[in-house]
Amino acid sequence: MGMAVPGHLWALLLLPLLALGVPTEEPSSGEAVASGPPGRCRRCCDPGELPAPAAALPYLLPEVKPYINITILKGDKGDRGLLGTPGKPGREGPRGERGPQGSKGTKGQAGSPGSPCQTRFSAFSVGRKTALHSSEGFQPLLFDTVFVNPDGHFDLATGRFVAPLRGLYFFSLNVHSWNFKETYVHVVHNERAAVILYAQPSDRSIMQSQSVMLALAPGDRVWVRLFKRERENAIYSDDVDTYITFSGHLVKPEDD
């Protein structure tokens, strides 16, 4: 015998079945509603199912910006540019204060000795106490008194000075003229007259002088001679006083 079921009881029995056929939760992040028969809830990553393409899920992927490597775009080093115009010099700074005096240095070593054979000076001075009258032509003037001749560069026998070094030499000649006679004397460089000492005849005897500077080479000779022309030529002196002198010295030596 069948029992009649009230209508409200059938509604209670069908309610669970209806609930199982309808999704009860919203899809969470990373999930999607899969296509299929209605009434069934599927996860996007269930086995056998592929996830939806990225184009279909734009809201799931972050925006990707393009990356450019700057190092591969760097070019070669260029040539050095032209030098610029120098700037104007700045103002001179103030003068600094004088610093403290330094300590005294040590004494240096003695230098090597010079050459003992090289003479760097020369001097002589001679005189004559005897009067002299010229003969025909040229006549050398000899001297009988030595004032200075330390190295023997003046040869008293010949009346000639012989230069020991190349350089500049200074010479001076002093004579006393004779009354009413002409005085005509040469200072000679080797065989050539360098300068002349001359006094005309006069009733008074006077002192005459002449000087000259000569450039000499080693071995050059300098001497004095009388020269007779139409008139008689003479120089005065006596045995007491020295009226005639001839002197010379090296002023500046020159290297050979």
Protein backbone atom coordinates (compact mmCIF):
# COMPACT_ATOMS: atom_id res chain seq x y z
CA MET A 1 0.00 0.00 0.00
CA GLY A 2 1.54 3.13 -1.11
CA MET A 3 1.99 6.09 1.06
CA ALA A 4 1.26 9.49 -0.19
CA VAL A 5 4.15 11.95 0.22
CA PRO A 6 3.19 15.45 0.93
CA GLY A 7 4.32 18.12 -1.49
CA HIS A 8 6.47 20.00 0.91
CA LEU A 9 8.41 16.81 1.66
CA TRP A 10 9.28 16.43 -2.05
CA ALA A 11 10.66 19.90 -2.06
CA LEU A 12 12.92 19.08 0.81
CA LEU A 13 14.21 15.95 -0.94
CA LEU A 14 14.99 17.74 -4.24
CA LEU A 15 16.72 20.71 -2.66
CA PRO A 16 20.16 18.99 -2.18
CA LEU A 17 20.17 17.77 -5.74
CA LEU A 18 19.58 21.26 -7.03
CA ALA A 19 22.33 22.58 -4.81
CA LEU A 20 24.90 20.09 -6.21
CA GLY A 21 24.24 21.20 -9.79
CA VAL A 22 25.01 24.90 -9.18
CA PRO A 23 28.49 26.39 -8.30
CA THR A 24 28.51 27.66 -4.78
CA GLU A 25 31.86 29.74 -4.87
CA GLU A 26 33.27 32.56 -6.98
CA PRO A 27 36.46 31.72 -8.96
CA SER A 28 39.55 32.77 -6.98
CA SER A 29 42.83 34.27 -8.37
CA GLY A 30 44.48 31.82 -10.76
CA GLU A 31 41.20 29.95 -11.36
CA ALA A 32 38.75 30.14 -14.26
CA VAL A 33 35.46 28.67 -15.08
CA ALA A 34 36.01 25.90 -17.64
CA SER A 35 33.67 25.28 -20.43
CA GLY A 36 31.67 22.05 -20.03
CA PRO A 37 28.34 20.75 -19.28
CA PRO A 38 26.45 23.08 -17.09
CA GLY A 39 26.13 22.11 -13.55
CA ARG A 40 29.80 21.03 -13.07
CA CYS A 41 32.56 23.22 -11.53
CA ARG A 42 36.06 22.75 -13.00
CA ARG A 43 39.48 24.21 -12.04
CA CYS A 44 41.65 25.66 -14.83
CA CYS A 45 44.58 23.46 -13.90
CA ASP A 46 42.79 20.11 -13.61
CA PRO A 47 44.70 17.20 -15.25
CA GLY A 48 44.05 16.94 -18.93
CA GLU A 49 43.19 20.56 -19.25
CA LEU A 50 45.51 23.34 -20.61
CA PRO A 51 45.44 26.79 -19.06
CA ALA A 52 43.87 29.51 -21.07
CA PRO A 53 46.24 31.46 -23.41
CA ALA A 54 47.81 34.63 -22.09
CA ALA A 55 45.93 36.66 -24.64
CA ALA A 56 42.73 35.37 -23.13
CA LEU A 57 43.89 36.39 -19.63
CA PRO A 58 45.28 39.90 -19.93
CA TYR A 59 44.36 40.67 -16.37
CA LEU A 60 46.67 37.87 -15.09
CA LEU A 61 50.04 39.03 -16.78
CA PRO A 62 52.04 42.17 -15.79
CA GLU A 63 53.02 44.69 -18.47
CA VAL A 64 56.55 43.88 -19.84
CA LYS A 65 58.70 46.86 -20.96
CA PRO A 66 61.45 46.31 -23.61
CA TYR A 67 65.09 46.21 -22.27
CA ILE A 68 67.93 47.84 -24.26
CA ASN A 69 71.60 47.11 -23.41
CA ILE A 70 73.31 50.53 -23.64
CA THR A 71 76.82 49.03 -23.64
CA ILE A 72 76.39 47.52 -27.08
CA LEU A 73 75.38 50.94 -28.45
CA LYS A 74 78.60 52.76 -27.23
CA GLY A 75 80.81 53.94 -30.11
CA ASP A 76 84.63 54.10 -30.45
CA LYS A 77 86.66 56.75 -28.61
CA GLY A 78 87.05 59.90 -30.69
CA ASP A 79 90.28 61.71 -31.52
CA ARG A 80 91.70 64.29 -29.15
CA GLY A 81 90.54 67.80 -29.91
CA LEU A 82 92.74 70.80 -30.67
CA LEU A 83 94.51 72.52 -27.81
CA GLY A 84 92.55 75.49 -26.62
CA THR A 85 93.86 79.04 -26.37
CA PRO A 86 95.91 79.51 -23.17
CA GLY A 87 94.25 81.64 -20.59
CA LYS A 88 95.63 84.93 -19.38
CA PRO A 89 98.29 84.68 -16.66
CA GLY A 90 97.06 85.38 -13.21
CA ARG A 91 98.24 88.18 -11.03
CA GLU A 92 101.61 87.80 -9.36
CA GLY A 93 101.22 86.74 -5.80
CA PRO A 94 102.73 88.61 -2.89
CA ARG A 95 106.36 88.02 -2.08
CA GLY A 96 106.83 85.45 0.61
CA GLU A 97 108.68 86.04 3.80
CA ARG A 98 112.38 85.31 3.98
CA GLY A 99 112.96 81.80 5.20
CA PRO A 100 115.26 80.85 8.03
CA GLN A 101 118.97 80.61 7.31
CA GLY A 102 120.04 77.12 6.43
CA SER A 103 122.80 75.20 8.07
CA LYS A 104 126.34 75.58 6.79
CA GLY A 105 127.28 73.00 4.21
CA THR A 106 130.20 70.65 4.46
CA LYS A 107 133.54 71.63 3.00
CA GLY A 108 134.05 70.38 -0.53
CA GLN A 109 136.92 68.27 -1.70
CA ALA A 110 140.03 69.89 -3.09
CA GLY A 111 140.17 70.08 -6.85
CA SER A 112 142.77 68.40 -8.97
CA PRO A 113 146.01 70.34 -9.39
CA GLY A 114 146.53 72.31 -12.57
CA SER A 115 149.09 71.54 -15.19
CA PRO A 116 152.54 72.49 -13.89
CA CYS A 117 153.84 73.14 -17.39
CA GLN A 118 151.27 75.72 -18.43
CA THR A 119 152.09 79.36 -17.66
CA ARG A 120 149.13 81.71 -17.46
CA PHE A 121 151.02 84.99 -16.97
CA SER A 122 153.98 86.89 -18.36
CA ALA A 123 155.63 90.23 -17.54
CA PHE A 124 158.89 92.08 -17.98
CA SER A 125 160.39 95.57 -17.56
CA VAL A 126 163.90 96.54 -18.64
CA GLY A 127 165.90 99.77 -18.96
CA ARG A 128 168.99 101.31 -20.54
CA LYS A 129 171.54 103.63 -18.92
CA THR A 130 173.61 104.28 -22.04
CA ALA A 131 172.86 106.79 -24.81
CA LEU A 132 172.61 105.48 -28.35
CA HIS A 133 173.28 107.06 -31.78
CA SER A 134 171.81 105.29 -34.76
CA SER A 135 173.89 103.89 -37.58
CA GLU A 136 172.79 103.31 -41.13
CA GLY A 137 169.42 101.61 -41.49
CA PHE A 138 167.83 99.82 -38.58
CA GLN A 139 169.58 99.27 -35.28
CA PRO A 140 168.16 97.08 -32.43
CA LEU A 141 167.84 98.78 -29.06
CA LEU A 142 169.50 96.67 -26.38
CA PHE A 143 168.96 97.03 -22.65
CA ASP A 144 171.35 96.68 -19.74
CA THR A 145 169.04 96.89 -16.72
CA VAL A 146 166.37 94.39 -15.64
CA PHE A 147 163.55 95.52 -13.37
CA VAL A 148 161.16 92.58 -13.84
CA ASN A 149 161.68 89.36 -15.83
CA PRO A 150 160.53 86.50 -13.57
CA ASP A 151 160.22 83.79 -16.22
CA GLY A 152 162.95 84.98 -18.60
CA HIS A 153 160.52 85.76 -21.42
CA PHE A 154 162.61 88.82 -22.33
CA ASP A 155 165.95 87.89 -23.86
CA LEU A 156 168.40 90.53 -22.63
CA ALA A 157 171.10 89.51 -25.12
CA THR A 158 168.96 90.09 -28.22
CA GLY A 159 166.61 92.72 -26.75
CA ARG A 160 163.53 90.68 -27.75
CA PHE A 161 160.48 89.55 -25.81
CA VAL A 162 159.23 86.08 -26.83
CA ALA A 163 155.53 85.41 -26.15
CA PRO A 164 154.98 82.16 -24.18
CA LEU A 165 151.18 82.03 -24.76
CA ARG A 166 148.58 83.10 -27.24
CA GLY A 167 146.78 86.19 -25.99
CA LEU A 168 146.64 89.97 -25.68
CA TYR A 169 149.78 91.80 -24.49
CA PHE A 170 150.38 95.40 -23.51
CA PHE A 171 153.70 97.17 -24.20
CA SER A 172 155.03 100.63 -23.34
CA LEU A 173 158.24 102.43 -24.40
CA ASN A 174 159.77 105.54 -22.84
CA VAL A 175 162.84 107.38 -24.21
CA HIS A 176 164.58 110.73 -23.75
CA SER A 177 165.35 112.76 -26.86
CA TRP A 178 168.72 114.40 -27.58
CA ASN A 179 169.20 118.12 -28.11
CA PHE A 180 169.09 119.12 -31.80
CA LYS A 181 168.77 115.48 -32.88
CA GLU A 182 165.87 113.54 -34.27
CA THR A 183 164.31 110.65 -32.32
CA TYR A 184 162.81 107.95 -34.51
CA VAL A 185 162.05 104.56 -32.85
CA HIS A 186 159.90 101.58 -33.85
CA VAL A 187 158.14 99.01 -31.61
CA VAL A 188 158.40 95.92 -33.80
CA HIS A 189 156.14 92.84 -33.91
CA ASN A 190 158.32 90.09 -35.37
CA GLU A 191 159.76 92.01 -38.40
CA ARG A 192 156.99 94.57 -38.91
CA ALA A 193 156.85 97.97 -37.24
CA ALA A 194 153.72 98.12 -35.06
CA VAL A 195 153.97 101.74 -33.77
CA ILE A 196 156.44 104.63 -34.05
CA LEU A 197 157.83 106.96 -31.41
CA TYR A 198 159.01 110.21 -33.00
CA ALA A 199 160.37 113.56 -31.80
CA GLN A 200 161.60 116.39 -34.04
CA PRO A 201 164.99 118.04 -33.42
CA SER A 202 164.79 120.70 -30.72
CA ASP A 203 167.06 122.75 -28.54
CA ARG A 204 165.43 121.05 -25.56
CA SER A 205 165.53 117.34 -24.76
CA ILE A 206 162.21 115.89 -23.60
CA MET A 207 160.73 112.53 -22.53
CA GLN A 208 158.71 110.70 -25.18
CA SER A 209 156.45 107.65 -24.70
CA GLN A 210 154.50 105.20 -26.80
CA SER A 211 152.25 102.23 -25.91
CA VAL A 212 150.41 99.51 -27.81
CA MET A 213 148.40 96.34 -27.25
CA LEU A 214 149.16 93.38 -29.54
CA ALA A 215 147.60 89.97 -30.13
CA LEU A 216 150.47 87.48 -30.06
CA ALA A 217 150.84 83.82 -30.80
CA PRO A 218 153.30 81.60 -28.93
CA GLY A 219 156.83 82.39 -30.16
CA ASP A 220 156.03 85.87 -31.51
CA ARG A 221 158.76 88.46 -30.81
CA VAL A 222 158.40 92.11 -29.81
CA TRP A 223 161.43 94.44 -29.76
CA VAL A 224 162.60 98.06 -30.32
CA ARG A 225 164.79 99.49 -33.09
CA LEU A 226 166.21 102.89 -34.12
CA PHE A 227 165.80 104.02 -37.70
CA LYS A 228 168.18 106.52 -39.33
CA ARG A 229 166.82 108.71 -42.10
CA GLU A 230 168.40 111.92 -43.47
CA ARG A 231 169.04 113.31 -40.02
CA GLU A 232 171.03 111.83 -37.19
CA ASN A 233 168.91 109.73 -34.85
CA ALA A 234 169.76 109.43 -31.14
CA ILE A 235 168.31 108.81 -27.67
CA TYR A 236 169.78 110.11 -24.43
CA SER A 237 170.67 108.42 -21.14
CA ASP A 238 173.54 108.39 -18.62
CA ASP A 239 175.17 106.06 -16.14
CA VAL A 240 173.36 107.58 -13.16
CA ASP A 241 169.70 107.75 -14.17
CA THR A 242 167.64 105.45 -16.36
CA TYR A 243 165.96 107.44 -19.12
CA ILE A 244 165.00 104.55 -21.40
CA THR A 245 162.52 101.81 -20.37
CA PHE A 246 160.64 99.07 -22.18
CA SER A 247 157.88 97.05 -20.44
CA GLY A 248 155.19 94.53 -21.32
CA HIS A 249 152.77 92.02 -19.76
CA LEU A 250 150.10 89.51 -20.69
CA VAL A 251 146.61 91.01 -20.35
CA LYS A 252 144.39 88.10 -21.38
CA PRO A 253 145.48 84.59 -22.38
CA GLU A 254 143.52 82.77 -25.07
CA ASP A 255 143.12 79.04 -25.53
CA ASP A 256 144.81 77.54 -28.56
